[in-house]
Amino acid sequence: MCHYAYRGGDPISLVRRHYARIWYLHFKNIDREVQRRVEADHATFSQAVAMEMFVEPAKGAVDFQALRDVLDEVNYQGFGIVEQDMYPAPFDKPLPIAKRTHEYLRSIGLG
């Protein structure tokens, strides 16, 4: 889903159109401004990750509340995997992000 947004697509519309073919989702998000720089610079995926293009679900371009609504609308029966591409990552960075992400997804009914 986020990779679709990474390349300029609308992941909410994608899920709405193709939910029957989606067995699982990667709950990720992107920083739209960084994504524009990645596009302009023709950066590789690895460079995009190093530029911190991937962000916490609550902080990016993908509207997770709209995603929740579409998943409810289509009675989605698959599962989601929470990810955030970040490398290299300092040892103490992932755990606080995981805690905030867990709380955010629970607060909107996705966790």
C-alpha atoms as a PDB file:
ATOM      1  CA  MET A   1       0.000   0.000   0.000  1.00  0.00           C
ATOM      2  CA  CYS A   2       2.664   2.486   0.978  1.00  0.00           C
ATOM      3  CA  HIS A   3       4.849   1.429  -1.919  1.00  0.00           C
ATOM      4  CA  TYR A   4       1.936   2.290  -4.197  1.00  0.00           C
ATOM      5  CA  ALA A   5       1.839   5.767  -2.632  1.00  0.00           C
ATOM      6  CA  TYR A   6       5.639   5.913  -2.931  1.00  0.00           C
ATOM      7  CA  ARG A   7       5.220   5.745  -6.695  1.00  0.00           C
ATOM      8  CA  GLY A   8       2.359   8.271  -6.739  1.00  0.00           C
ATOM      9  CA  GLY A   9      -0.671   5.973  -6.521  1.00  0.00           C
ATOM     10  CA  ASP A  10      -3.718   6.302  -4.296  1.00  0.00           C
ATOM     11  CA  PRO A  11      -3.648   3.285  -1.966  1.00  0.00           C
ATOM     12  CA  ILE A  12      -7.190   3.839  -0.688  1.00  0.00           C
ATOM     13  CA  SER A  13      -8.623   3.587  -4.213  1.00  0.00           C
ATOM     14  CA  LEU A  14      -6.412   0.571  -4.886  1.00  0.00           C
ATOM     15  CA  VAL A  15      -7.775  -1.269  -1.859  1.00  0.00           C
ATOM     16  CA  ARG A  16     -11.345  -0.339  -2.764  1.00  0.00           C
ATOM     17  CA  ARG A  17     -10.918  -1.690  -6.322  1.00  0.00           C
ATOM     18  CA  HIS A  18      -8.863  -4.799  -5.606  1.00  0.00           C
ATOM     19  CA  TYR A  19      -9.635  -5.837  -2.020  1.00  0.00           C
ATOM     20  CA  ALA A  20     -10.615  -9.371  -3.089  1.00  0.00           C
ATOM     21  CA  ARG A  21      -7.063  -9.929  -4.345  1.00  0.00           C
ATOM     22  CA  ILE A  22      -5.348  -8.516  -1.254  1.00  0.00           C
ATOM     23  CA  TRP A  23      -4.490 -11.132   1.366  1.00  0.00           C
ATOM     24  CA  TYR A  24      -2.455  -8.848   3.582  1.00  0.00           C
ATOM     25  CA  LEU A  25      -1.460  -5.208   3.844  1.00  0.00           C
ATOM     26  CA  HIS A  26       1.742  -3.507   4.868  1.00  0.00           C
ATOM     27  CA  PHE A  27       0.763  -0.622   7.121  1.00  0.00           C
ATOM     28  CA  LYS A  28       3.394   1.964   6.246  1.00  0.00           C
ATOM     29  CA  ASN A  29       3.411   5.619   5.347  1.00  0.00           C
ATOM     30  CA  ILE A  30       5.449   8.141   3.419  1.00  0.00           C
ATOM     31  CA  ASP A  31       6.434  11.757   3.782  1.00  0.00           C
ATOM     32  CA  ARG A  32       5.037  13.365   0.624  1.00  0.00           C
ATOM     33  CA  GLU A  33       7.633  16.176   0.577  1.00  0.00           C
ATOM     34  CA  VAL A  34      10.511  13.708   0.783  1.00  0.00           C
ATOM     35  CA  GLN A  35       8.791  11.610  -1.897  1.00  0.00           C
ATOM     36  CA  ARG A  36       8.808  14.638  -4.202  1.00  0.00           C
ATOM     37  CA  ARG A  37      12.548  15.106  -3.608  1.00  0.00           C
ATOM     38  CA  VAL A  38      13.122  11.413  -4.270  1.00  0.00           C
ATOM     39  CA  GLU A  39      11.276  11.759  -7.580  1.00  0.00           C
ATOM     40  CA  ALA A  40      13.094  14.942  -8.562  1.00  0.00           C
ATOM     41  CA  ASP A  41      16.498  13.468  -7.700  1.00  0.00           C
ATOM     42  CA  HIS A  42      15.719  10.071  -9.283  1.00  0.00           C
ATOM     43  CA  ALA A  43      16.823   8.536  -5.992  1.00  0.00           C
ATOM     44  CA  THR A  44      16.952   4.788  -5.554  1.00  0.00           C
ATOM     45  CA  PHE A  45      14.785   3.019  -3.019  1.00  0.00           C
ATOM     46  CA  SER A  46      17.746   2.684  -0.648  1.00  0.00           C
ATOM     47  CA  GLN A  47      18.440   6.388  -0.974  1.00  0.00           C
ATOM     48  CA  ALA A  48      14.765   7.158  -0.309  1.00  0.00           C
ATOM     49  CA  VAL A  49      14.901   5.110   2.885  1.00  0.00           C
ATOM     50  CA  ALA A  50      18.069   6.909   3.989  1.00  0.00           C
ATOM     51  CA  MET A  51      16.285  10.219   3.287  1.00  0.00           C
ATOM     52  CA  GLU A  52      13.625   9.085   5.805  1.00  0.00           C
ATOM     53  CA  MET A  53      10.858   8.988   3.256  1.00  0.00           C
ATOM     54  CA  PHE A  54       9.024   6.292   5.228  1.00  0.00           C
ATOM     55  CA  VAL A  55       7.358   7.635   8.351  1.00  0.00           C
ATOM     56  CA  GLU A  56       5.006   6.550  11.098  1.00  0.00           C
ATOM     57  CA  PRO A  57       1.430   5.832   9.949  1.00  0.00           C
ATOM     58  CA  ALA A  58       0.057   8.868  11.806  1.00  0.00           C
ATOM     59  CA  LYS A  59       2.542  11.251  10.172  1.00  0.00           C
ATOM     60  CA  GLY A  60       2.367  10.557   6.464  1.00  0.00           C
ATOM     61  CA  ALA A  61       0.381  10.981   3.281  1.00  0.00           C
ATOM     62  CA  VAL A  62      -1.717   7.797   3.519  1.00  0.00           C
ATOM     63  CA  ASP A  63      -4.986   8.477   5.338  1.00  0.00           C
ATOM     64  CA  PHE A  64      -5.271   5.520   7.694  1.00  0.00           C
ATOM     65  CA  GLN A  65      -8.740   6.515   8.890  1.00  0.00           C
ATOM     66  CA  ALA A  66      -9.965   6.409   5.283  1.00  0.00           C
ATOM     67  CA  LEU A  67      -8.212   3.065   4.883  1.00  0.00           C
ATOM     68  CA  ARG A  68      -9.996   1.767   7.980  1.00  0.00           C
ATOM     69  CA  ASP A  69     -13.310   2.883   6.528  1.00  0.00           C
ATOM     70  CA  VAL A  70     -12.654   1.139   3.200  1.00  0.00           C
ATOM     71  CA  LEU A  71     -11.569  -2.054   4.959  1.00  0.00           C
ATOM     72  CA  ASP A  72     -14.839  -1.991   6.922  1.00  0.00           C
ATOM     73  CA  GLU A  73     -16.839  -1.189   3.783  1.00  0.00           C
ATOM     74  CA  VAL A  74     -15.467  -4.184   1.856  1.00  0.00           C
ATOM     75  CA  ASN A  75     -15.445  -6.475   4.922  1.00  0.00           C
ATOM     76  CA  TYR A  76     -11.728  -7.094   4.521  1.00  0.00           C
ATOM     77  CA  GLN A  77     -10.716 -10.417   6.059  1.00  0.00           C
ATOM     78  CA  GLY A  78      -6.947 -10.317   5.572  1.00  0.00           C
ATOM     79  CA  PHE A  79      -4.370  -9.023   7.992  1.00  0.00           C
ATOM     80  CA  GLY A  80      -1.905  -6.180   8.233  1.00  0.00           C
ATOM     81  CA  ILE A  81       1.795  -6.049   8.955  1.00  0.00           C
ATOM     82  CA  VAL A  82       3.156  -2.845  10.449  1.00  0.00           C
ATOM     83  CA  GLU A  83       6.472  -1.720   8.974  1.00  0.00           C
ATOM     84  CA  GLN A  84       8.636   1.317   8.717  1.00  0.00           C
ATOM     85  CA  ASP A  85      11.668   1.122   6.466  1.00  0.00           C
ATOM     86  CA  MET A  86      14.585   2.777   8.194  1.00  0.00           C
ATOM     87  CA  TYR A  87      18.178   1.854   7.735  1.00  0.00           C
ATOM     88  CA  PRO A  88      20.527   2.346   9.115  1.00  0.00           C
ATOM     89  CA  ALA A  89      18.552   2.878  12.290  1.00  0.00           C
ATOM     90  CA  PRO A  90      20.007   3.813  15.664  1.00  0.00           C
ATOM     91  CA  PHE A  91      19.402   1.103  18.254  1.00  0.00           C
ATOM     92  CA  ASP A  92      17.011   3.249  20.313  1.00  0.00           C
ATOM     93  CA  LYS A  93      14.859   4.571  17.435  1.00  0.00           C
ATOM     94  CA  PRO A  94      12.477   1.684  16.505  1.00  0.00           C
ATOM     95  CA  LEU A  95      10.899   0.872  19.892  1.00  0.00           C
ATOM     96  CA  PRO A  96       9.405   4.329  20.609  1.00  0.00           C
ATOM     97  CA  ILE A  97       8.087   4.436  17.034  1.00  0.00           C
ATOM     98  CA  ALA A  98       6.546   0.978  17.442  1.00  0.00           C
ATOM     99  CA  LYS A  99       4.825   2.067  20.654  1.00  0.00           C
ATOM    100  CA  ARG A 100       3.432   5.256  19.095  1.00  0.00           C
ATOM    101  CA  THR A 101       2.309   3.355  16.003  1.00  0.00           C
ATOM    102  CA  HIS A 102       0.570   0.703  18.092  1.00  0.00           C
ATOM    103  CA  GLU A 103      -1.268   3.356  20.080  1.00  0.00           C
ATOM    104  CA  TYR A 104      -2.250   5.285  16.954  1.00  0.00           C
ATOM    105  CA  LEU A 105      -3.588   2.226  15.113  1.00  0.00           C
ATOM    106  CA  ARG A 106      -5.536   1.144  18.202  1.00  0.00           C
ATOM    107  CA  SER A 107      -6.966   4.654  18.605  1.00  0.00           C
ATOM    108  CA  ILE A 108      -8.441   4.557  15.092  1.00  0.00           C
ATOM    109  CA  GLY A 109      -9.677   0.955  15.335  1.00  0.00           C
ATOM    110  CA  LEU A 110      -6.952  -0.803  13.363  1.00  0.00           C
ATOM    111  CA  GLY A 111      -5.095  -2.490  16.176  1.00  0.00           C
END
